[in-house]
C-alpha atoms as a PDB file:
ATOM      1  CA  MET A   1       2.351  16.151  11.065  1.00  0.00           C
ATOM      2  CA  VAL A   2       6.113  15.709  10.046  1.00  0.00           C
ATOM      3  CA  ILE A   3       8.144  13.902  12.712  1.00  0.00           C
ATOM      4  CA  SER A   4      11.010  16.172  13.898  1.00  0.00           C
ATOM      5  CA  GLN A   5      14.370  15.769  12.371  1.00  0.00           C
ATOM      6  CA  GLU A   6      15.662  15.770  15.632  1.00  0.00           C
ATOM      7  CA  LYS A   7      14.119  12.766  17.002  1.00  0.00           C
ATOM      8  CA  LEU A   8      14.792  11.150  13.240  1.00  0.00           C
ATOM      9  CA  ILE A   9      18.748  10.746  13.970  1.00  0.00           C
ATOM     10  CA  LYS A  10      18.714  10.243  17.940  1.00  0.00           C
ATOM     11  CA  PRO A  11      21.387   8.098  18.731  1.00  0.00           C
ATOM     12  CA  THR A  12      20.164   4.469  19.425  1.00  0.00           C
ATOM     13  CA  ALA A  13      21.681   1.336  21.456  1.00  0.00           C
ATOM     14  CA  ARG A  14      22.983  -1.784  19.232  1.00  0.00           C
ATOM     15  CA  LEU A  15      20.741  -3.640  18.066  1.00  0.00           C
ATOM     16  CA  THR A  16      20.722  -7.620  17.441  1.00  0.00           C
ATOM     17  CA  VAL A  17      17.508  -8.226  14.257  1.00  0.00           C
ATOM     18  CA  THR A  18      17.208 -11.662  13.483  1.00  0.00           C
ATOM     19  CA  TRP A  19      14.756 -13.671  11.360  1.00  0.00           C
ATOM     20  CA  GLU A  20      12.978 -16.508  12.373  1.00  0.00           C
ATOM     21  CA  LYS A  21       9.712 -18.584  11.166  1.00  0.00           C
ATOM     22  CA  LEU A  22       6.998 -18.186  13.348  1.00  0.00           C
ATOM     23  CA  PRO A  23       5.554 -21.926  14.995  1.00  0.00           C
ATOM     24  CA  ILE A  24       2.827 -23.089  13.350  1.00  0.00           C
ATOM     25  CA  ASP A  25       0.952 -23.303  15.810  1.00  0.00           C
ATOM     26  CA  TYR A  26       1.365 -19.337  17.101  1.00  0.00           C
ATOM     27  CA  LYS A  27      -1.825 -17.478  17.644  1.00  0.00           C
ATOM     28  CA  LEU A  28      -1.282 -13.718  16.167  1.00  0.00           C
ATOM     29  CA  GLU A  29      -3.328 -11.719  18.311  1.00  0.00           C
ATOM     30  CA  GLU A  30      -5.890  -9.588  15.645  1.00  0.00           C
ATOM     31  CA  GLU A  31      -6.375  -5.677  15.707  1.00  0.00           C
ATOM     32  CA  PRO A  32      -9.688  -4.728  15.003  1.00  0.00           C
ATOM     33  CA  VAL A  33      -9.690  -2.631  11.664  1.00  0.00           C
ATOM     34  CA  GLU A  34     -10.093   0.599  13.362  1.00  0.00           C
ATOM     35  CA  ASN A  35     -12.860   2.214  10.565  1.00  0.00           C
ATOM     36  CA  THR A  36     -14.418   0.840   7.551  1.00  0.00           C
ATOM     37  CA  GLY A  37     -13.077   3.412   5.256  1.00  0.00           C
ATOM     38  CA  GLN A  38      -9.395   1.950   5.711  1.00  0.00           C
ATOM     39  CA  PRO A  39      -9.965  -1.420   4.260  1.00  0.00           C
ATOM     40  CA  LEU A  40     -11.517   0.136   1.339  1.00  0.00           C
ATOM     41  CA  ILE A  41      -8.613   2.290   0.616  1.00  0.00           C
ATOM     42  CA  ALA A  42      -6.499  -0.525   0.554  1.00  0.00           C
ATOM     43  CA  GLY A  43      -8.041  -2.740  -1.440  1.00  0.00           C
ATOM     44  CA  ALA A  44      -8.306   0.377  -3.916  1.00  0.00           C
ATOM     45  CA  LEU A  45      -4.584  -0.100  -4.213  1.00  0.00           C
ATOM     46  CA  ARG A  46      -4.338  -3.341  -5.390  1.00  0.00           C
ATOM     47  CA  GLU A  47      -7.933  -3.346  -7.723  1.00  0.00           C
ATOM     48  CA  ALA A  48      -6.351  -0.697  -9.862  1.00  0.00           C
ATOM     49  CA  LEU A  49      -3.063  -3.065 -10.031  1.00  0.00           C
ATOM     50  CA  GLU A  50      -5.363  -5.951 -10.998  1.00  0.00           C
ATOM     51  CA  MET A  51      -6.474  -3.980 -13.642  1.00  0.00           C
ATOM     52  CA  ILE A  52      -3.511  -3.807 -15.613  1.00  0.00           C
ATOM     53  CA  GLY A  53      -2.241  -6.905 -14.910  1.00  0.00           C
ATOM     54  CA  PHE A  54       0.853  -5.426 -12.258  1.00  0.00           C
ATOM     55  CA  ILE A  55       0.473  -8.387  -9.700  1.00  0.00           C
ATOM     56  CA  LYS A  56       2.329 -11.279 -10.388  1.00  0.00           C
ATOM     57  CA  PRO A  57       2.625 -14.757  -8.232  1.00  0.00           C
ATOM     58  CA  GLU A  58       6.262 -13.933  -7.099  1.00  0.00           C
ATOM     59  CA  MET A  59       4.972 -10.380  -5.332  1.00  0.00           C
ATOM     60  CA  LEU A  60       3.317  -9.984  -2.093  1.00  0.00           C
ATOM     61  CA  MET A  61       0.682  -7.261  -1.777  1.00  0.00           C
ATOM     62  CA  ALA A  62      -1.210  -7.253   1.575  1.00  0.00           C
ATOM     63  CA  SER A  63      -2.961  -5.477   4.551  1.00  0.00           C
ATOM     64  CA  ASN A  64      -2.883  -5.874   8.060  1.00  0.00           C
ATOM     65  CA  LEU A  65      -0.373  -8.758   7.774  1.00  0.00           C
ATOM     66  CA  GLY A  66       1.756  -9.556  10.787  1.00  0.00           C
ATOM     67  CA  ILE A  67       5.779  -8.647   9.048  1.00  0.00           C
ATOM     68  CA  CYS A  68       8.230 -10.679  11.997  1.00  0.00           C
ATOM     69  CA  ALA A  69      11.689  -9.793  13.330  1.00  0.00           C
ATOM     70  CA  THR A  70      13.047 -10.756  16.402  1.00  0.00           C
ATOM     71  CA  VAL A  71      14.744  -7.948  18.438  1.00  0.00           C
ATOM     72  CA  ASN A  72      17.146  -8.812  20.846  1.00  0.00           C
ATOM     73  CA  GLN A  73      15.204 -11.781  20.629  1.00  0.00           C
ATOM     74  CA  GLU A  74      12.282 -10.506  21.565  1.00  0.00           C
ATOM     75  CA  LEU A  75       9.551 -10.902  18.498  1.00  0.00           C
ATOM     76  CA  VAL A  76       8.411  -8.001  17.564  1.00  0.00           C
ATOM     77  CA  ILE A  77       5.320  -7.835  14.350  1.00  0.00           C
ATOM     78  CA  LYS A  78       3.610  -4.955  13.101  1.00  0.00           C
ATOM     79  CA  ALA A  79       0.446  -5.315  10.388  1.00  0.00           C
ATOM     80  CA  PRO A  80       1.017  -1.754   7.947  1.00  0.00           C
ATOM     81  CA  ASP A  81      -2.097  -0.734   6.673  1.00  0.00           C
ATOM     82  CA  TRP A  82      -0.691  -2.073   3.039  1.00  0.00           C
ATOM     83  CA  LEU A  83       2.614  -3.296   2.015  1.00  0.00           C
ATOM     84  CA  TYR A  84       4.473  -4.219  -1.429  1.00  0.00           C
ATOM     85  CA  VAL A  85       7.170  -6.886  -1.345  1.00  0.00           C
ATOM     86  CA  ALA A  86       8.838  -7.579  -4.966  1.00  0.00           C
ATOM     87  CA  SER A  87       9.477 -11.284  -4.174  1.00  0.00           C
ATOM     88  CA  VAL A  88       9.133 -13.718  -1.631  1.00  0.00           C
ATOM     89  CA  GLU A  89       9.331 -17.324  -1.541  1.00  0.00           C
ATOM     90  CA  PRO A  90       6.776 -20.017  -2.752  1.00  0.00           C
ATOM     91  CA  LEU A  91       4.755 -21.296   0.618  1.00  0.00           C
ATOM     92  CA  ILE A  92       5.561 -24.301   1.293  1.00  0.00           C
ATOM     93  CA  VAL A  93       1.650 -25.979   2.257  1.00  0.00           C
ATOM     94  CA  PRO A  94      -0.069 -23.652  -0.307  1.00  0.00           C
ATOM     95  CA  GLY A  95      -2.852 -21.348   1.869  1.00  0.00           C
ATOM     96  CA  GLU A  96      -3.382 -18.212   2.878  1.00  0.00           C
ATOM     97  CA  ARG A  97       0.029 -16.543   3.955  1.00  0.00           C
ATOM     98  CA  LYS A  98      -0.627 -15.703   7.791  1.00  0.00           C
ATOM     99  CA  SER A  99       2.126 -13.520   8.334  1.00  0.00           C
ATOM    100  CA  TYR A 100       5.848 -12.946   6.569  1.00  0.00           C
ATOM    101  CA  THR A 101       9.385 -12.912   8.003  1.00  0.00           C
ATOM    102  CA  PRO A 102      11.651 -10.989   5.419  1.00  0.00           C
ATOM    103  CA  ASN A 103      14.832 -12.003   4.485  1.00  0.00           C
ATOM    104  CA  LEU A 104      13.580 -15.277   5.953  1.00  0.00           C
ATOM    105  CA  GLU A 105      10.944 -15.871   3.495  1.00  0.00           C
ATOM    106  CA  GLY A 106      11.840 -12.960   0.473  1.00  0.00           C
ATOM    107  CA  ASP A 107      12.371  -9.416   0.093  1.00  0.00           C
ATOM    108  CA  THR A 108      12.259  -6.569   2.462  1.00  0.00           C
ATOM    109  CA  PRO A 109       8.960  -5.020   2.282  1.00  0.00           C
ATOM    110  CA  SER A 110       9.610  -1.911  -0.640  1.00  0.00           C
ATOM    111  CA  ILE A 111       6.982  -0.296   0.388  1.00  0.00           C
ATOM    112  CA  VAL A 112       4.642  -0.188   3.516  1.00  0.00           C
ATOM    113  CA  MET A 113       1.488   2.625   4.251  1.00  0.00           C
ATOM    114  CA  GLU A 114      -0.171   3.168   7.383  1.00  0.00           C
ATOM    115  CA  PHE A 115      -3.584   5.670   7.201  1.00  0.00           C
ATOM    116  CA  LEU A 116      -3.745   7.614  10.334  1.00  0.00           C
ATOM    117  CA  SER A 117      -6.191   6.982  12.707  1.00  0.00           C
ATOM    118  CA  ASP A 118      -7.732   9.046  15.410  1.00  0.00           C
ATOM    119  CA  THR A 119      -5.558   7.025  17.782  1.00  0.00           C
ATOM    120  CA  ASP A 120      -2.152   7.805  19.357  1.00  0.00           C
ATOM    121  CA  GLY A 121      -0.319   8.702  16.574  1.00  0.00           C
ATOM    122  CA  GLY A 122       1.317   5.307  16.497  1.00  0.00           C
ATOM    123  CA  GLU A 123       2.155   5.792  12.880  1.00  0.00           C
ATOM    124  CA  TYR A 124       5.096   8.365  13.819  1.00  0.00           C
ATOM    125  CA  SER A 125       6.440   6.542  17.470  1.00  0.00           C
ATOM    126  CA  PHE A 126      10.045   6.011  17.115  1.00  0.00           C
ATOM    127  CA  LYS A 127       9.771   4.338  20.734  1.00  0.00           C
ATOM    128  CA  ARG A 128      12.956   1.786  20.689  1.00  0.00           C
ATOM    129  CA  THR A 129      11.902  -0.215  23.828  1.00  0.00           C
ATOM    130  CA  SER A 130       9.478  -2.656  23.999  1.00  0.00           C
ATOM    131  CA  PRO A 131       6.344  -2.430  22.354  1.00  0.00           C
ATOM    132  CA  VAL A 132       8.599  -0.628  19.722  1.00  0.00           C
ATOM    133  CA  GLY A 133       7.090   1.512  17.641  1.00  0.00           C
ATOM    134  CA  LYS A 134       6.106   1.370  14.096  1.00  0.00           C
ATOM    135  CA  TRP A 135       8.087   4.183  12.932  1.00  0.00           C
ATOM    136  CA  PHE A 136      11.484   2.733  14.091  1.00  0.00           C
ATOM    137  CA  PHE A 137      10.459  -1.111  13.325  1.00  0.00           C
ATOM    138  CA  TYR A 138       9.647   0.308   9.870  1.00  0.00           C
ATOM    139  CA  GLU A 139      13.272   2.517   9.714  1.00  0.00           C
ATOM    140  CA  GLN A 140      15.762   0.696  11.811  1.00  0.00           C
ATOM    141  CA  ILE A 141      14.640  -2.785  12.087  1.00  0.00           C
ATOM    142  CA  LEU A 142      13.378  -3.772   8.401  1.00  0.00           C
ATOM    143  CA  LYS A 143      14.780  -0.547   6.626  1.00  0.00           C
ATOM    144  CA  VAL A 144      12.198  -0.410   4.674  1.00  0.00           C
ATOM    145  CA  PRO A 145      12.861   1.811   1.269  1.00  0.00           C
ATOM    146  CA  THR A 146       9.783   4.045   1.515  1.00  0.00           C
ATOM    147  CA  TYR A 147       7.454   4.386   4.603  1.00  0.00           C
ATOM    148  CA  ILE A 148       3.883   6.021   3.178  1.00  0.00           C
ATOM    149  CA  ILE A 149       1.744   7.710   5.843  1.00  0.00           C
ATOM    150  CA  PHE A 150      -1.919   8.858   4.723  1.00  0.00           C
ATOM    151  CA  GLU A 151      -4.405  10.646   6.564  1.00  0.00           C
ATOM    152  CA  PRO A 152      -7.891   9.774   4.893  1.00  0.00           C
ATOM    153  CA  ALA A 153     -10.243  12.432   6.733  1.00  0.00           C
ATOM    154  CA  SER A 154      -7.431  15.559   4.747  1.00  0.00           C
ATOM    155  CA  GLY A 155      -5.577  13.802   1.756  1.00  0.00           C
ATOM    156  CA  LEU A 156      -2.476  14.684   3.492  1.00  0.00           C
ATOM    157  CA  LEU A 157       0.152  12.362   2.089  1.00  0.00           C
ATOM    158  CA  GLU A 158       4.063  11.622   3.191  1.00  0.00           C
ATOM    159  CA  VAL A 159       6.337   9.766   1.523  1.00  0.00           C
ATOM    160  CA  TYR A 160       9.606   8.815   3.246  1.00  0.00           C
ATOM    161  CA  ARG A 161      12.842   7.722   1.732  1.00  0.00           C
ATOM    162  CA  TRP A 162      15.290   5.388   3.347  1.00  0.00           C
ATOM    163  CA  ARG A 163      18.349   7.559   3.131  1.00  0.00           C
ATOM    164  CA  GLU A 164      21.893   7.106   5.383  1.00  0.00           C
ATOM    165  CA  GLY A 165      20.064   5.284   8.142  1.00  0.00           C
ATOM    166  CA  ARG A 166      17.085   7.448   8.346  1.00  0.00           C
ATOM    167  CA  TYR A 167      13.895   8.667   6.300  1.00  0.00           C
ATOM    168  CA  GLU A 168      13.896  11.391   4.920  1.00  0.00           C
ATOM    169  CA  LEU A 169      10.149  13.838   3.644  1.00  0.00           C
ATOM    170  CA  GLU A 170       9.907  13.618   0.632  1.00  0.00           C
ATOM    171  CA  LEU A 171       8.475  16.247  -1.550  1.00  0.00           C
ATOM    172  CA  PRO A 172       5.825  15.392  -4.070  1.00  0.00           C
ATOM    173  CA  ASP A 173       6.071  16.955  -7.968  1.00  0.00           C
ATOM    174  CA  SER A 174       4.150  19.888  -9.359  1.00  0.00           C
ATOM    175  CA  GLU A 175       1.363  17.585  -9.746  1.00  0.00           C
ATOM    176  CA  GLY A 176       1.060  16.374  -6.291  1.00  0.00           C
ATOM    177  CA  ARG A 177       2.167  12.664  -6.787  1.00  0.00           C
ATOM    178  CA  HIS A 178       5.310  11.097  -6.121  1.00  0.00           C
ATOM    179  CA  TRP A 179       7.619   8.565  -8.811  1.00  0.00           C
ATOM    180  CA  PHE A 180       7.792   4.558  -7.510  1.00  0.00           C
ATOM    181  CA  ALA A 181      10.855   3.598  -9.896  1.00  0.00           C
ATOM    182  CA  GLU A 182       9.936  -0.217  -9.005  1.00  0.00           C
ATOM    183  CA  MET A 183       6.912  -0.036 -10.039  1.00  0.00           C
ATOM    184  CA  GLY A 184       7.036   2.314 -12.792  1.00  0.00           C
ATOM    185  CA  LEU A 185       4.221   4.410 -11.386  1.00  0.00           C
ATOM    186  CA  PHE A 186       2.972   7.780  -9.946  1.00  0.00           C
ATOM    187  CA  LEU A 187       1.254   7.197  -6.181  1.00  0.00           C
ATOM    188  CA  GLY A 188      -0.700  10.637  -5.915  1.00  0.00           C
ATOM    189  CA  THR A 189      -4.225  11.120  -4.050  1.00  0.00           C
ATOM    190  CA  TRP A 190      -8.200  11.660  -5.463  1.00  0.00           C
ATOM    191  CA  ARG A 191     -11.188  12.330  -3.967  1.00  0.00           C
ATOM    192  CA  GLY A 192     -14.486  10.763  -5.120  1.00  0.00           C
ATOM    193  CA  GLU A 193     -16.712   7.671  -4.413  1.00  0.00           C
ATOM    194  CA  LYS A 194     -16.246   4.092  -4.249  1.00  0.00           C
ATOM    195  CA  GLU A 195     -18.420   1.403  -2.552  1.00  0.00           C
ATOM    196  CA  GLY A 196     -20.087   3.966  -0.725  1.00  0.00           C
ATOM    197  CA  ARG A 197     -17.325   5.963   0.673  1.00  0.00           C
ATOM    198  CA  THR A 198     -16.983   9.899  -0.373  1.00  0.00           C
ATOM    199  CA  GLY A 199     -13.559  11.192   0.780  1.00  0.00           C
ATOM    200  CA  TYR A 200      -9.525  11.192  -0.292  1.00  0.00           C
ATOM    201  CA  TRP A 201      -8.586   7.542  -1.619  1.00  0.00           C
ATOM    202  CA  LEU A 202      -5.004   7.021  -2.682  1.00  0.00           C
ATOM    203  CA  ARG A 203      -4.479   6.302  -6.482  1.00  0.00           C
ATOM    204  CA  TRP A 204      -1.596   5.383  -9.382  1.00  0.00           C
ATOM    205  CA  TRP A 205      -1.014   7.079 -12.664  1.00  0.00           C
ATOM    206  CA  ASN A 206       0.981   5.312 -14.954  1.00  0.00           C
ATOM    207  CA  GLU A 207       4.718   6.807 -16.466  1.00  0.00           C
ATOM    208  CA  GLU A 208       2.482   8.682 -18.940  1.00  0.00           C
ATOM    209  CA  GLU A 209       0.785   9.521 -15.980  1.00  0.00           C
ATOM    210  CA  ASN A 210      -2.989   8.481 -16.832  1.00  0.00           C
ATOM    211  CA  LEU A 211      -5.233   7.739 -14.269  1.00  0.00           C
ATOM    212  CA  LEU A 212      -5.371   3.618 -13.476  1.00  0.00           C
ATOM    213  CA  LEU A 213      -8.699   3.216 -13.651  1.00  0.00           C
ATOM    214  CA  TRP A 214     -10.852   0.670 -11.168  1.00  0.00           C
ATOM    215  CA  GLY A 215     -13.368  -1.844 -12.379  1.00  0.00           C
ATOM    216  CA  VAL A 216     -16.144  -0.025 -12.173  1.00  0.00           C
ATOM    217  CA  GLU A 217     -14.442   3.294 -13.952  1.00  0.00           C
ATOM    218  CA  LEU A 218     -13.514   0.564 -16.671  1.00  0.00           C
ATOM    219  CA  LEU A 219     -17.348  -0.257 -17.199  1.00  0.00           C
ATOM    220  CA  GLU A 220     -18.385   3.224 -16.801  1.00  0.00           C
ATOM    221  CA  LYS A 221     -16.137   4.138 -19.715  1.00  0.00           C
ATOM    222  CA  GLU A 222     -17.047   0.819 -21.622  1.00  0.00           C
ATOM    223  CA  ARG A 223     -20.508   1.858 -21.364  1.00  0.00           C
ATOM    224  CA  GLN A 224     -20.079   5.635 -22.685  1.00  0.00           C
ATOM    225  CA  ARG A 225     -18.189   4.417 -25.852  1.00  0.00           C
ATOM    226  CA  SER A 226     -20.666   1.547 -26.585  1.00  0.00           C
ATOM    227  CA  ASP A 227     -24.037   4.855 -26.234  1.00  0.00           C
ATOM    228  CA  LYS A 228     -21.440   6.937 -28.358  1.00  0.00           C
ATOM    229  CA  LEU A 229     -21.678   3.719 -31.153  1.00  0.00           C
ATOM    230  CA  VAL A 230     -24.807   3.460 -31.162  1.00  0.00           C
ATOM    231  CA  ALA A 231     -25.631   7.197 -31.093  1.00  0.00           C
ATOM    232  CA  TYR A 232     -23.321   7.462 -34.114  1.00  0.00           C
ATOM    233  CA  LEU A 233     -25.104   4.182 -35.812  1.00  0.00           C
ATOM    234  CA  LEU A 234     -28.317   6.385 -35.291  1.00  0.00           C
ATOM    235  CA  SER A 235     -27.113   9.232 -36.916  1.00  0.00           C
ATOM    236  CA  GLN A 236     -26.205   7.243 -40.407  1.00  0.00           C
ATOM    237  CA  GLY A 237     -29.939   5.707 -40.227  1.00  0.00           C
ATOM    238  CA  ILE A 238     -28.632   2.874 -38.769  1.00  0.00           C
ATOM    239  CA  ASN A 239     -30.586   0.326 -36.348  1.00  0.00           C
ATOM    240  CA  PRO A 240     -27.909  -1.218 -34.163  1.00  0.00           C
ATOM    241  CA  ASP A 241     -30.718  -3.903 -33.376  1.00  0.00           C
ATOM    242  CA  GLU A 242     -30.242  -4.722 -37.055  1.00  0.00           C
ATOM    243  CA  ILE A 243     -26.653  -5.395 -37.295  1.00  0.00           C
ATOM    244  CA  ASP A 244     -25.207  -9.044 -37.753  1.00  0.00           C
ATOM    245  CA  LEU A 245     -21.867  -9.693 -35.793  1.00  0.00           C
ATOM    246  CA  SER A 246     -21.903 -13.563 -36.442  1.00  0.00           C
END
């Protein structure tokens, strides 16, 4: 599903946006996870980056974390399925971050992702009256540079870039991937199995177009390498168990 250009350029009334910290005792609404696959997809995105040491203390990478803004004196909170912020301020009181207010607590998110569900298609909602739609919030209020919509069931990946006040759909390269200069990585889809889920996943590739592996894949790669070494030693009449590695 691709939102029409006519809808994208629909004129809107002037908005007053401020960035205010939530009161300590503010209770965020907890939205139930729509299916078991979504947390796995989000976790797999982070895992591959952790394996290469990409994630730094000043970064924020999270799923279902409320992003806050005050629009025309009304608090608006959206919790994308995955988000990436290049630089945030450290928490005054160490602990878990319960929400995030851009400009007040750090940079605007560079990337937000929504995974399509079987509900009302809110990922494309340009509704500008309360409660505002996700698309409108990311594009017109936060002005997030990249908005990604992924449909796990079909593997459909849509990457929208913020240009001249609105999102434009970006076509993938010949390999079906998208380049993220701010991360030095490609993003694309991959079909396979992980953690008992078989289907489409979002995966990272480095600048040399090598797939960033998950932990279980790295272990399997190391096991295969070890098996080859053992086979070679045996072919040379050497018993690996008798080799003194001290």
